[in-house]
């Protein structure tokens, strides 16, 4: 993986939906007027997700976003980055990776910049939940 990228801690799958990701921006984002997450798929196509400033584990440094069933449409490494506007400042956060596998394979990623919860696979009726702590800097 690229140096300087944080990696997700939980396994994720093609077709997964309703997973909420929590990204630690490293600064208080509770007053942000704009928060977005940009994801680049393995084939280079991009996704822009609306993010929401979120209190997570008692911290106001997080934004959250939810993936839809069409967001993870291929396996591989997704690169992500938060964009935020706080007062007169606008800028990009630290880059992160989310590894996505085919639903029938099993692989996970390591480190701790991204947390997720309430995920399910659209190709089956089973669901799973997971969470872990995150740390990624917004500046």
C-alpha atoms as a PDB file:
ATOM      1  CA  UNK A   1       0.000   0.000   0.000  1.00  0.00           C
ATOM      2  CA  UNK A   2       1.021   3.608  -0.456  1.00  0.00           C
ATOM      3  CA  UNK A   3       2.972   5.166   2.398  1.00  0.00           C
ATOM      4  CA  UNK A   4       0.988   7.811   4.251  1.00  0.00           C
ATOM      5  CA  UNK A   5      -2.364   6.124   3.764  1.00  0.00           C
ATOM      6  CA  UNK A   6      -4.290   4.781   6.732  1.00  0.00           C
ATOM      7  CA  UNK A   7      -6.146   1.538   6.192  1.00  0.00           C
ATOM      8  CA  UNK A   8      -9.510   0.325   7.390  1.00  0.00           C
ATOM      9  CA  UNK A   9      -9.672  -2.208  10.148  1.00  0.00           C
ATOM     10  CA  UNK A  10     -12.667  -4.305   9.084  1.00  0.00           C
ATOM     11  CA  UNK A  11     -13.415  -6.516   6.068  1.00  0.00           C
ATOM     12  CA  UNK A  12     -15.717  -5.018   3.425  1.00  0.00           C
ATOM     13  CA  UNK A  13     -17.355  -6.583   0.367  1.00  0.00           C
ATOM     14  CA  UNK A  14     -18.591  -5.794  -3.133  1.00  0.00           C
ATOM     15  CA  UNK A  15     -22.289  -4.904  -2.930  1.00  0.00           C
ATOM     16  CA  UNK A  16     -22.105  -4.047   0.770  1.00  0.00           C
ATOM     17  CA  UNK A  17     -24.652  -1.484   1.835  1.00  0.00           C
ATOM     18  CA  UNK A  18     -25.666   0.580   4.845  1.00  0.00           C
ATOM     19  CA  UNK A  19     -22.204   0.463   6.396  1.00  0.00           C
ATOM     20  CA  UNK A  20     -21.485   3.657   8.279  1.00  0.00           C
ATOM     21  CA  UNK A  21     -17.845   4.746   8.251  1.00  0.00           C
ATOM     22  CA  UNK A  22     -16.427   7.050  10.931  1.00  0.00           C
ATOM     23  CA  UNK A  23     -13.397   9.109   9.897  1.00  0.00           C
ATOM     24  CA  UNK A  24     -11.302  10.889  12.543  1.00  0.00           C
ATOM     25  CA  UNK A  25     -10.360  14.284  11.137  1.00  0.00           C
ATOM     26  CA  UNK A  26      -7.953  15.069  13.980  1.00  0.00           C
ATOM     27  CA  UNK A  27      -9.666  18.399  14.732  1.00  0.00           C
ATOM     28  CA  UNK A  28     -13.108  19.413  16.006  1.00  0.00           C
ATOM     29  CA  UNK A  29     -15.403  19.339  12.956  1.00  0.00           C
ATOM     30  CA  UNK A  30     -18.676  19.946  14.846  1.00  0.00           C
ATOM     31  CA  UNK A  31     -18.976  23.448  13.342  1.00  0.00           C
ATOM     32  CA  UNK A  32     -18.135  22.392   9.777  1.00  0.00           C
ATOM     33  CA  UNK A  33     -20.486  23.848   7.187  1.00  0.00           C
ATOM     34  CA  UNK A  34     -19.425  21.389   4.478  1.00  0.00           C
ATOM     35  CA  UNK A  35     -18.136  17.848   4.911  1.00  0.00           C
ATOM     36  CA  UNK A  36     -17.710  15.422   2.039  1.00  0.00           C
ATOM     37  CA  UNK A  37     -15.844  12.192   1.474  1.00  0.00           C
ATOM     38  CA  UNK A  38     -14.300  11.465  -1.900  1.00  0.00           C
ATOM     39  CA  UNK A  39     -13.626   7.817  -2.741  1.00  0.00           C
ATOM     40  CA  UNK A  40     -11.634   6.577  -5.711  1.00  0.00           C
ATOM     41  CA  UNK A  41     -12.489   3.061  -6.856  1.00  0.00           C
ATOM     42  CA  UNK A  42      -9.774   0.628  -7.980  1.00  0.00           C
ATOM     43  CA  UNK A  43     -10.577   1.429 -11.643  1.00  0.00           C
ATOM     44  CA  UNK A  44     -10.066   5.175 -11.053  1.00  0.00           C
ATOM     45  CA  UNK A  45     -13.730   6.222 -11.073  1.00  0.00           C
ATOM     46  CA  UNK A  46     -14.801   8.521  -8.231  1.00  0.00           C
ATOM     47  CA  UNK A  47     -17.612   8.674  -5.705  1.00  0.00           C
ATOM     48  CA  UNK A  48     -18.558  11.779  -3.711  1.00  0.00           C
ATOM     49  CA  UNK A  49     -20.419  11.073  -0.473  1.00  0.00           C
ATOM     50  CA  UNK A  50     -22.043  13.581   1.838  1.00  0.00           C
ATOM     51  CA  UNK A  51     -20.495  13.288   5.288  1.00  0.00           C
ATOM     52  CA  UNK A  52     -21.921  14.424   8.610  1.00  0.00           C
ATOM     53  CA  UNK A  53     -19.981  15.780  11.609  1.00  0.00           C
ATOM     54  CA  UNK A  54     -20.524  13.073  14.225  1.00  0.00           C
ATOM     55  CA  UNK A  55     -19.723  12.557  17.886  1.00  0.00           C
ATOM     56  CA  UNK A  56     -18.000   9.154  17.966  1.00  0.00           C
ATOM     57  CA  UNK A  57     -16.486   7.641  21.102  1.00  0.00           C
ATOM     58  CA  UNK A  58     -17.106  10.986  22.806  1.00  0.00           C
ATOM     59  CA  UNK A  59     -15.072  12.951  20.246  1.00  0.00           C
ATOM     60  CA  UNK A  60     -16.270  15.780  17.972  1.00  0.00           C
ATOM     61  CA  UNK A  61     -13.394  15.112  15.534  1.00  0.00           C
ATOM     62  CA  UNK A  62     -15.294  12.600  13.381  1.00  0.00           C
ATOM     63  CA  UNK A  63     -17.380  12.681  10.248  1.00  0.00           C
ATOM     64  CA  UNK A  64     -19.535   9.764   9.183  1.00  0.00           C
ATOM     65  CA  UNK A  65     -20.823   8.573   5.833  1.00  0.00           C
ATOM     66  CA  UNK A  66     -22.820   5.583   4.649  1.00  0.00           C
ATOM     67  CA  UNK A  67     -22.164   3.431   1.595  1.00  0.00           C
ATOM     68  CA  UNK A  68     -24.896   2.367  -0.776  1.00  0.00           C
ATOM     69  CA  UNK A  69     -25.047  -1.010  -2.555  1.00  0.00           C
ATOM     70  CA  UNK A  70     -23.575   0.514  -5.745  1.00  0.00           C
ATOM     71  CA  UNK A  71     -20.612   2.271  -4.075  1.00  0.00           C
ATOM     72  CA  UNK A  72     -18.424  -0.817  -3.608  1.00  0.00           C
ATOM     73  CA  UNK A  73     -19.006  -2.271  -7.069  1.00  0.00           C
ATOM     74  CA  UNK A  74     -15.564  -3.853  -7.556  1.00  0.00           C
ATOM     75  CA  UNK A  75     -12.957  -5.513  -5.404  1.00  0.00           C
ATOM     76  CA  UNK A  76      -9.665  -3.844  -4.582  1.00  0.00           C
ATOM     77  CA  UNK A  77      -8.405  -0.800  -2.693  1.00  0.00           C
ATOM     78  CA  UNK A  78     -10.577   2.282  -2.490  1.00  0.00           C
ATOM     79  CA  UNK A  79      -8.720   5.513  -1.704  1.00  0.00           C
ATOM     80  CA  UNK A  80     -10.599   8.093   0.344  1.00  0.00           C
ATOM     81  CA  UNK A  81     -10.217  11.601   1.645  1.00  0.00           C
ATOM     82  CA  UNK A  82     -12.386  14.004   3.654  1.00  0.00           C
ATOM     83  CA  UNK A  83     -12.959  17.574   2.488  1.00  0.00           C
ATOM     84  CA  UNK A  84     -14.277  20.041   5.078  1.00  0.00           C
ATOM     85  CA  UNK A  85     -15.075  23.717   5.480  1.00  0.00           C
ATOM     86  CA  UNK A  86     -14.763  25.057   9.025  1.00  0.00           C
ATOM     87  CA  UNK A  87     -15.157  28.817   9.351  1.00  0.00           C
ATOM     88  CA  UNK A  88     -12.915  30.471   6.766  1.00  0.00           C
ATOM     89  CA  UNK A  89     -10.771  27.327   6.371  1.00  0.00           C
ATOM     90  CA  UNK A  90     -11.398  24.643   3.749  1.00  0.00           C
ATOM     91  CA  UNK A  91      -9.128  21.700   3.199  1.00  0.00           C
ATOM     92  CA  UNK A  92      -8.420  18.013   2.735  1.00  0.00           C
ATOM     93  CA  UNK A  93      -7.833  15.414   5.415  1.00  0.00           C
ATOM     94  CA  UNK A  94      -5.407  12.526   5.487  1.00  0.00           C
ATOM     95  CA  UNK A  95      -5.811   9.849   2.827  1.00  0.00           C
ATOM     96  CA  UNK A  96      -7.202   6.442   3.768  1.00  0.00           C
ATOM     97  CA  UNK A  97      -7.755   3.063   2.114  1.00  0.00           C
ATOM     98  CA  UNK A  98     -10.725   0.737   2.361  1.00  0.00           C
ATOM     99  CA  UNK A  99     -10.048  -2.741   1.009  1.00  0.00           C
ATOM    100  CA  UNK A 100     -13.071  -4.377  -0.618  1.00  0.00           C
ATOM    101  CA  UNK A 101     -13.229  -8.100  -1.385  1.00  0.00           C
ATOM    102  CA  UNK A 102     -15.529 -10.239  -3.462  1.00  0.00           C
ATOM    103  CA  UNK A 103     -18.236 -11.532  -1.069  1.00  0.00           C
ATOM    104  CA  UNK A 104     -16.998 -15.125  -1.373  1.00  0.00           C
ATOM    105  CA  UNK A 105     -13.373 -14.314  -0.526  1.00  0.00           C
ATOM    106  CA  UNK A 106     -12.160 -13.447   2.946  1.00  0.00           C
ATOM    107  CA  UNK A 107      -9.528 -10.792   3.509  1.00  0.00           C
ATOM    108  CA  UNK A 108      -9.194  -7.958   5.967  1.00  0.00           C
ATOM    109  CA  UNK A 109      -7.132  -4.845   6.281  1.00  0.00           C
ATOM    110  CA  UNK A 110      -5.220  -3.427   9.187  1.00  0.00           C
ATOM    111  CA  UNK A 111      -4.433  -0.176  10.999  1.00  0.00           C
ATOM    112  CA  UNK A 112      -6.974   2.238  12.359  1.00  0.00           C
ATOM    113  CA  UNK A 113      -8.016   5.325  10.394  1.00  0.00           C
ATOM    114  CA  UNK A 114     -11.495   4.158   9.510  1.00  0.00           C
ATOM    115  CA  UNK A 115     -14.192   2.568  11.626  1.00  0.00           C
ATOM    116  CA  UNK A 116     -17.409   1.096  10.367  1.00  0.00           C
ATOM    117  CA  UNK A 117     -20.645  -0.299  11.704  1.00  0.00           C
ATOM    118  CA  UNK A 118     -24.022  -1.681  10.628  1.00  0.00           C
ATOM    119  CA  UNK A 119     -22.905  -3.265   7.391  1.00  0.00           C
ATOM    120  CA  UNK A 120     -24.778  -5.814   5.349  1.00  0.00           C
ATOM    121  CA  UNK A 121     -24.281  -7.557   2.053  1.00  0.00           C
ATOM    122  CA  UNK A 122     -26.888  -6.856  -0.590  1.00  0.00           C
ATOM    123  CA  UNK A 123     -26.377 -10.281  -2.152  1.00  0.00           C
ATOM    124  CA  UNK A 124     -27.623 -12.113   0.926  1.00  0.00           C
ATOM    125  CA  UNK A 125     -29.907 -11.591   3.855  1.00  0.00           C
ATOM    126  CA  UNK A 126     -27.121 -11.920   6.418  1.00  0.00           C
ATOM    127  CA  UNK A 127     -25.754  -8.859   8.141  1.00  0.00           C
ATOM    128  CA  UNK A 128     -22.832  -8.084  10.403  1.00  0.00           C
ATOM    129  CA  UNK A 129     -21.831  -5.214  12.623  1.00  0.00           C
ATOM    130  CA  UNK A 130     -18.381  -4.041  13.585  1.00  0.00           C
ATOM    131  CA  UNK A 131     -16.683  -1.071  15.120  1.00  0.00           C
ATOM    132  CA  UNK A 132     -13.214   0.036  16.087  1.00  0.00           C
ATOM    133  CA  UNK A 133     -11.438   3.259  16.901  1.00  0.00           C
ATOM    134  CA  UNK A 134     -10.107   5.581  14.219  1.00  0.00           C
ATOM    135  CA  UNK A 135      -7.382   8.131  13.827  1.00  0.00           C
ATOM    136  CA  UNK A 136      -6.758  10.215  10.724  1.00  0.00           C
ATOM    137  CA  UNK A 137      -5.691  13.845  10.577  1.00  0.00           C
ATOM    138  CA  UNK A 138      -7.672  16.518   8.737  1.00  0.00           C
ATOM    139  CA  UNK A 139      -4.740  18.836   8.325  1.00  0.00           C
END
